[in-house]
């Protein structure tokens, strides 16, 4: 995370830069930094925004938390379905497959299509208005 962007490395080891809007940037900047001890006892700021004791949350921790909360709420939806899949679907319905593919860093549209399903009701409505 830097001033206006988030950098991450893809599975294919390419760097992907994601733009951050002002609302997200301001929310992240309000999170108090975690100060930890360096190797020589010096105080250093943890490089992770969302962390626990100076380490990033693991996927297994996030998945366990997701399962506990959805179970308590009586909702049956997997971690995958409730996160990446639904977000990609909403994005495709708003801005189109090509832009979402670029944003997700997919080299093939087939991968984006795995994560996103077009809103068929919206498409039917377009056809009815012709």
Protein backbone atom coordinates (compact mmCIF):
# COMPACT_ATOMS: atom_id res chain seq x y z
CA UNK A 1 0.00 0.00 0.00
CA UNK A 2 1.28 3.44 -0.88
CA UNK A 3 -0.42 6.80 -1.22
CA UNK A 4 -2.86 5.98 -4.01
CA UNK A 5 -2.32 2.36 -4.91
CA UNK A 6 -2.01 -1.17 -3.64
CA UNK A 7 0.68 -3.40 -5.12
CA UNK A 8 0.47 -7.14 -5.04
CA UNK A 9 2.18 -10.00 -6.82
CA UNK A 10 0.07 -12.38 -8.90
CA UNK A 11 0.42 -16.17 -8.95
CA UNK A 12 2.46 -15.76 -12.14
CA UNK A 13 4.85 -13.46 -10.21
CA UNK A 14 3.77 -10.31 -12.06
CA UNK A 15 3.23 -7.13 -10.07
CA UNK A 16 -0.36 -5.91 -10.17
CA UNK A 17 -1.15 -2.33 -9.17
CA UNK A 18 -4.68 -1.64 -7.94
CA UNK A 19 -5.88 1.96 -7.67
CA UNK A 20 -7.44 3.02 -4.37
CA UNK A 21 -10.20 5.58 -4.23
CA UNK A 22 -10.07 8.33 -1.62
CA UNK A 23 -12.63 6.69 0.68
CA UNK A 24 -10.61 3.46 0.91
CA UNK A 25 -7.33 5.34 1.26
CA UNK A 26 -8.69 7.47 4.11
CA UNK A 27 -10.12 4.42 5.90
CA UNK A 28 -6.78 2.60 5.72
CA UNK A 29 -4.89 5.65 6.93
CA UNK A 30 -7.14 5.81 10.03
CA UNK A 31 -5.99 2.37 11.16
CA UNK A 32 -3.35 2.92 13.85
CA UNK A 33 0.01 1.42 12.88
CA UNK A 34 1.31 -1.60 14.75
CA UNK A 35 4.76 -0.89 16.15
CA UNK A 36 6.94 -3.95 16.62
CA UNK A 37 10.50 -4.67 17.67
CA UNK A 38 13.11 -5.03 14.95
CA UNK A 39 15.99 -7.54 15.03
CA UNK A 40 18.16 -5.10 17.01
CA UNK A 41 15.40 -4.10 19.42
CA UNK A 42 14.49 -0.95 17.50
CA UNK A 43 10.85 0.08 16.99
CA UNK A 44 9.62 -0.42 13.44
CA UNK A 45 6.19 -0.03 11.87
CA UNK A 46 4.57 -3.27 10.72
CA UNK A 47 4.27 -3.28 6.90
CA UNK A 48 0.83 -4.93 6.96
CA UNK A 49 -2.40 -2.93 7.20
CA UNK A 50 -4.48 -5.85 8.48
CA UNK A 51 -2.32 -7.86 10.82
CA UNK A 52 -2.16 -9.77 14.07
CA UNK A 53 0.99 -9.40 16.15
CA UNK A 54 2.90 -8.07 13.15
CA UNK A 55 1.90 -10.85 10.76
CA UNK A 56 -0.76 -10.77 8.03
CA UNK A 57 -3.93 -12.74 8.57
CA UNK A 58 -3.74 -16.15 6.93
CA UNK A 59 -6.35 -17.41 4.50
CA UNK A 60 -7.22 -20.21 6.93
CA UNK A 61 -7.91 -17.66 9.70
CA UNK A 62 -10.15 -15.62 7.37
CA UNK A 63 -11.95 -18.78 6.25
CA UNK A 64 -12.54 -19.92 9.87
CA UNK A 65 -13.83 -16.48 10.81
CA UNK A 66 -16.12 -16.47 7.73
CA UNK A 67 -17.48 -19.93 8.60
CA UNK A 68 -18.14 -18.98 12.24
CA UNK A 69 -19.97 -15.76 11.36
CA UNK A 70 -22.08 -17.24 8.54
CA UNK A 71 -22.96 -20.20 10.76
CA UNK A 72 -24.06 -17.88 13.59
CA UNK A 73 -26.20 -15.94 11.10
CA UNK A 74 -27.71 -19.08 9.59
CA UNK A 75 -26.33 -18.29 6.13
CA UNK A 76 -25.03 -21.10 3.93
CA UNK A 77 -22.51 -19.56 1.56
CA UNK A 78 -18.91 -20.56 1.06
CA UNK A 79 -15.97 -18.23 1.58
CA UNK A 80 -15.27 -18.32 -2.17
CA UNK A 81 -18.87 -17.61 -3.17
CA UNK A 82 -19.24 -14.80 -0.70
CA UNK A 83 -16.05 -12.98 -1.58
CA UNK A 84 -14.31 -13.14 -4.93
CA UNK A 85 -17.18 -14.71 -6.90
CA UNK A 86 -19.86 -12.23 -5.85
CA UNK A 87 -17.54 -9.22 -6.13
CA UNK A 88 -16.48 -10.16 -9.65
CA UNK A 89 -20.09 -10.76 -10.69
CA UNK A 90 -21.19 -7.36 -9.41
CA UNK A 91 -18.25 -5.68 -11.16
CA UNK A 92 -18.96 -7.39 -14.50
CA UNK A 93 -22.58 -6.30 -14.32
CA UNK A 94 -21.46 -2.70 -13.71
CA UNK A 95 -18.45 -2.19 -16.00
CA UNK A 96 -18.15 -5.22 -18.28
CA UNK A 97 -16.00 -8.32 -18.59
CA UNK A 98 -12.95 -6.70 -20.23
CA UNK A 99 -12.43 -4.11 -17.50
CA UNK A 100 -12.89 -6.68 -14.73
CA UNK A 101 -10.45 -9.05 -16.44
CA UNK A 102 -7.84 -6.28 -16.52
CA UNK A 103 -8.50 -5.31 -12.90
CA UNK A 104 -8.24 -8.89 -11.65
CA UNK A 105 -5.04 -9.36 -13.64
CA UNK A 106 -6.31 -12.34 -15.60
CA UNK A 107 -4.51 -13.05 -18.86
CA UNK A 108 -7.44 -15.08 -20.21
CA UNK A 109 -11.11 -14.14 -20.17
CA UNK A 110 -11.98 -17.75 -19.30
CA UNK A 111 -10.50 -17.23 -15.83
CA UNK A 112 -12.57 -14.10 -15.26
CA UNK A 113 -15.69 -15.97 -16.40
CA UNK A 114 -15.04 -18.58 -13.69
CA UNK A 115 -15.38 -15.85 -11.08
CA UNK A 116 -18.20 -13.85 -12.62
CA UNK A 117 -21.64 -14.72 -13.89
CA UNK A 118 -23.52 -12.26 -16.02
CA UNK A 119 -26.80 -10.96 -14.68
CA UNK A 120 -29.16 -12.82 -17.01
CA UNK A 121 -32.20 -10.90 -15.76
CA UNK A 122 -30.50 -7.66 -16.77
CA UNK A 123 -29.76 -9.07 -20.22
CA UNK A 124 -33.37 -10.24 -20.62
CA UNK A 125 -34.56 -6.74 -19.72
CA UNK A 126 -32.31 -5.23 -22.41
CA UNK A 127 -33.77 -7.61 -24.99
CA UNK A 128 -37.36 -6.82 -23.94
CA UNK A 129 -36.75 -3.08 -24.46
CA UNK A 130 -35.70 -3.52 -28.11
